[in-house]
């Protein structure tokens, strides 16, 4: 991804040779516009993601930056956030052989990298102004790499009986009871078979 730093903000940069695909930005902004038929929209979007990386619509911006839709729109209009717009002008072919406008609003996508940079700005400002500490900020992020995400493979996976006995094998049910339960689980649907010393049925 080609990034251009403008006033310390890492705006995405569109190479000159690709301007015909995404259009020229509106003066004083980073709003890129492209007009075309519906059939070209998917190719335009694929090319966009290849050049700038992941993108989201304005409505999904708060997944990466905790701001309102109005704040997103204002930042775009103020030239502080990039958006790529594709205005559908017509469909080349329709069931009835007529060309018509399909959408009243364009497709619009914002680079995720810029939303992440914006969030970092807000976090740094919040810490500097004393609204939140760096420790609190770190704690507010989901711990996706926590130990609870370290799934065991099939060979390491605990059985119900293992859970009853305890992960380390100590505590929990007496071993004789655990052996009995293990045998019962293995023989579900089969003729009842009990270990020596046990009688009756569960």
Protein backbone atom coordinates (compact mmCIF):
# COMPACT_ATOMS: atom_id res chain seq x y z
CA UNK A 1 0.00 0.00 0.00
CA UNK A 2 1.38 3.38 -0.98
CA UNK A 3 1.01 5.91 1.86
CA UNK A 4 1.49 9.67 1.60
CA UNK A 5 2.07 11.71 4.76
CA UNK A 6 0.26 15.04 4.57
CA UNK A 7 0.40 17.29 7.64
CA UNK A 8 1.61 14.21 9.58
CA UNK A 9 -1.49 12.19 8.65
CA UNK A 10 -0.85 9.06 6.55
CA UNK A 11 -3.28 9.55 3.66
CA UNK A 12 -3.33 6.80 1.06
CA UNK A 13 -1.77 7.81 -2.24
CA UNK A 14 -3.13 6.90 -5.64
CA UNK A 15 -0.42 6.48 -8.29
CA UNK A 16 -0.77 8.80 -11.29
CA UNK A 17 -1.19 5.88 -13.67
CA UNK A 18 -4.30 4.78 -11.75
CA UNK A 19 -6.04 8.15 -11.57
CA UNK A 20 -8.20 7.18 -14.55
CA UNK A 21 -9.63 4.34 -12.44
CA UNK A 22 -10.39 6.31 -9.27
CA UNK A 23 -10.66 9.85 -10.59
CA UNK A 24 -9.10 13.09 -9.35
CA UNK A 25 -9.90 14.21 -5.78
CA UNK A 26 -12.23 17.16 -5.30
CA UNK A 27 -10.21 20.36 -4.72
CA UNK A 28 -9.14 20.72 -1.09
CA UNK A 29 -10.32 17.22 -0.18
CA UNK A 30 -9.45 13.55 -0.53
CA UNK A 31 -12.79 12.66 -2.11
CA UNK A 32 -12.17 10.58 -5.23
CA UNK A 33 -15.07 10.15 -7.65
CA UNK A 34 -15.61 7.73 -10.50
CA UNK A 35 -18.70 7.46 -12.73
CA UNK A 36 -19.60 4.32 -14.63
CA UNK A 37 -22.09 1.56 -15.35
CA UNK A 38 -23.11 -0.95 -12.69
CA UNK A 39 -21.10 -3.66 -14.44
CA UNK A 40 -17.83 -1.83 -13.66
CA UNK A 41 -18.49 -1.36 -9.93
CA UNK A 42 -17.05 -4.68 -8.78
CA UNK A 43 -13.87 -4.28 -10.85
CA UNK A 44 -13.47 -0.78 -9.45
CA UNK A 45 -13.83 -2.07 -5.88
CA UNK A 46 -11.36 -4.92 -6.42
CA UNK A 47 -8.80 -2.48 -7.84
CA UNK A 48 -9.38 -0.13 -4.90
CA UNK A 49 -8.67 -2.82 -2.33
CA UNK A 50 -5.57 -3.92 -4.23
CA UNK A 51 -4.20 -0.38 -4.06
CA UNK A 52 -5.23 0.91 -0.61
CA UNK A 53 -5.87 -2.30 1.33
CA UNK A 54 -8.96 -2.97 3.43
CA UNK A 55 -11.80 -0.47 3.22
CA UNK A 56 -15.18 0.05 4.91
CA UNK A 57 -18.24 2.13 4.16
CA UNK A 58 -18.78 5.34 6.18
CA UNK A 59 -21.37 3.51 8.27
CA UNK A 60 -18.77 0.92 9.30
CA UNK A 61 -16.05 3.42 10.19
CA UNK A 62 -16.77 3.24 13.92
CA UNK A 63 -15.61 -0.38 13.95
CA UNK A 64 -12.10 1.06 13.68
CA UNK A 65 -12.54 4.54 15.15
CA UNK A 66 -15.04 5.39 17.94
CA UNK A 67 -16.73 8.34 16.25
CA UNK A 68 -20.20 9.15 14.95
CA UNK A 69 -21.28 9.06 11.31
CA UNK A 70 -21.58 12.86 11.43
CA UNK A 71 -17.95 13.14 12.57
CA UNK A 72 -16.87 10.90 9.70
CA UNK A 73 -18.76 13.04 7.17
CA UNK A 74 -17.29 16.26 8.60
CA UNK A 75 -13.74 14.94 8.49
CA UNK A 76 -14.23 13.86 4.87
CA UNK A 77 -15.65 17.26 3.88
CA UNK A 78 -12.81 19.02 5.72
CA UNK A 79 -10.25 17.13 3.64
CA UNK A 80 -8.94 15.13 6.62
CA UNK A 81 -10.11 11.67 5.56
CA UNK A 82 -10.11 9.86 2.21
CA UNK A 83 -13.18 8.36 0.61
CA UNK A 84 -13.57 6.71 -2.78
CA UNK A 85 -16.94 7.06 -4.50
CA UNK A 86 -18.35 5.16 -7.44
CA UNK A 87 -21.43 6.76 -8.98
CA UNK A 88 -23.51 4.25 -10.92
CA UNK A 89 -24.84 6.05 -13.98
CA UNK A 90 -26.61 3.18 -15.71
CA UNK A 91 -26.68 -0.51 -16.43
CA UNK A 92 -25.50 -1.40 -19.91
CA UNK A 93 -28.04 -4.18 -20.24
CA UNK A 94 -31.29 -4.84 -18.39
CA UNK A 95 -34.00 -7.44 -18.63
CA UNK A 96 -36.10 -4.98 -20.58
CA UNK A 97 -33.33 -3.59 -22.77
CA UNK A 98 -33.40 -0.13 -21.18
CA UNK A 99 -30.60 1.87 -19.59
CA UNK A 100 -31.46 3.45 -16.28
CA UNK A 101 -29.87 4.81 -13.11
CA UNK A 102 -29.76 2.08 -10.48
CA UNK A 103 -28.61 3.96 -7.36
CA UNK A 104 -29.37 7.43 -6.10
CA UNK A 105 -26.24 7.35 -3.90
CA UNK A 106 -22.73 6.23 -4.86
CA UNK A 107 -20.80 3.33 -3.40
CA UNK A 108 -18.38 4.81 -0.88
CA UNK A 109 -15.38 3.30 0.89
CA UNK A 110 -12.83 4.63 3.39
CA UNK A 111 -9.34 3.12 3.83
CA UNK A 112 -9.09 1.26 7.13
CA UNK A 113 -5.49 2.44 7.54
CA UNK A 114 -6.70 6.05 7.80
CA UNK A 115 -9.38 5.16 10.34
CA UNK A 116 -6.78 3.40 12.45
CA UNK A 117 -4.52 6.45 12.24
CA UNK A 118 -7.44 8.69 13.25
CA UNK A 119 -8.16 6.47 16.24
CA UNK A 120 -4.52 6.70 17.29
CA UNK A 121 -4.78 10.50 17.14
CA UNK A 122 -7.86 10.46 19.39
CA UNK A 123 -6.25 8.07 21.85
CA UNK A 124 -3.08 10.14 22.12
CA UNK A 125 -5.13 13.29 22.59
CA UNK A 126 -7.25 11.65 25.29
CA UNK A 127 -4.17 10.53 27.22
CA UNK A 128 -2.51 13.94 26.85
CA UNK A 129 -5.59 15.77 28.13
CA UNK A 130 -5.97 13.38 31.03
CA UNK A 131 -9.30 11.89 29.98
CA UNK A 132 -7.85 8.39 30.12
CA UNK A 133 -4.55 6.84 31.14
CA UNK A 134 -2.37 4.80 28.84
CA UNK A 135 -2.97 1.78 31.11
CA UNK A 136 -6.74 2.20 30.91
CA UNK A 137 -6.55 2.63 27.15
CA UNK A 138 -4.59 -0.58 26.72
CA UNK A 139 -7.06 -2.39 28.93
CA UNK A 140 -10.00 -1.17 26.88
CA UNK A 141 -8.86 -3.09 23.84
CA UNK A 142 -10.16 -6.65 23.39
CA UNK A 143 -7.55 -9.23 24.30
CA UNK A 144 -7.74 -11.22 21.08
CA UNK A 145 -4.37 -12.83 21.80
CA UNK A 146 -5.37 -13.89 25.31
CA UNK A 147 -4.78 -17.40 26.57
CA UNK A 148 -8.45 -18.20 26.17
CA UNK A 149 -7.88 -18.03 22.38
CA UNK A 150 -5.10 -20.62 22.44
CA UNK A 151 -7.22 -23.55 21.27
CA UNK A 152 -5.94 -27.04 21.88
CA UNK A 153 -5.55 -29.42 18.98
CA UNK A 154 -7.55 -32.64 18.87
CA UNK A 155 -4.81 -34.66 20.62
CA UNK A 156 -4.62 -32.16 23.46
CA UNK A 157 -8.34 -31.52 23.82
CA UNK A 158 -9.76 -32.39 27.24
CA UNK A 159 -12.62 -34.84 27.62
CA UNK A 160 -15.54 -34.38 29.97
CA UNK A 161 -13.85 -36.71 32.45
CA UNK A 162 -10.57 -34.79 32.20
CA UNK A 163 -12.48 -31.66 33.14
CA UNK A 164 -14.00 -33.46 36.14
CA UNK A 165 -10.60 -34.70 37.31
CA UNK A 166 -8.92 -31.34 36.79
CA UNK A 167 -6.55 -30.28 34.03
CA UNK A 168 -3.49 -31.52 35.95
CA UNK A 169 -5.13 -34.78 36.93
CA UNK A 170 -5.39 -33.89 40.61
CA UNK A 171 -8.52 -33.03 42.51
CA UNK A 172 -12.01 -33.60 41.17
CA UNK A 173 -13.55 -37.06 41.04
CA UNK A 174 -11.89 -40.17 42.50
CA UNK A 175 -10.06 -42.16 39.82
CA UNK A 176 -12.35 -45.19 40.16
CA UNK A 177 -15.41 -43.02 39.49
CA UNK A 178 -13.64 -41.36 36.58
CA UNK A 179 -12.81 -44.78 35.08
CA UNK A 180 -16.42 -45.78 35.40
CA UNK A 181 -17.68 -42.61 33.67
CA UNK A 182 -15.12 -42.98 30.91
CA UNK A 183 -16.29 -46.52 30.20
CA UNK A 184 -19.93 -45.42 30.21
CA UNK A 185 -19.22 -42.62 27.73
CA UNK A 186 -17.36 -44.97 25.39
CA UNK A 187 -20.18 -47.50 25.48
CA UNK A 188 -23.14 -45.18 24.95
CA UNK A 189 -25.67 -47.10 22.87
CA UNK A 190 -23.94 -50.40 23.53
CA UNK A 191 -24.80 -53.16 25.99
CA UNK A 192 -24.09 -52.02 29.53
CA UNK A 193 -20.57 -53.00 30.67
CA UNK A 194 -19.24 -52.03 34.05
CA UNK A 195 -15.72 -52.08 35.46
CA UNK A 196 -14.93 -54.58 38.18
CA UNK A 197 -16.38 -53.57 41.51
CA UNK A 198 -19.34 -51.68 40.08
CA UNK A 199 -22.87 -52.91 39.82
CA UNK A 200 -26.18 -51.58 38.54
CA UNK A 201 -26.77 -48.94 35.93
CA UNK A 202 -26.41 -45.18 35.66
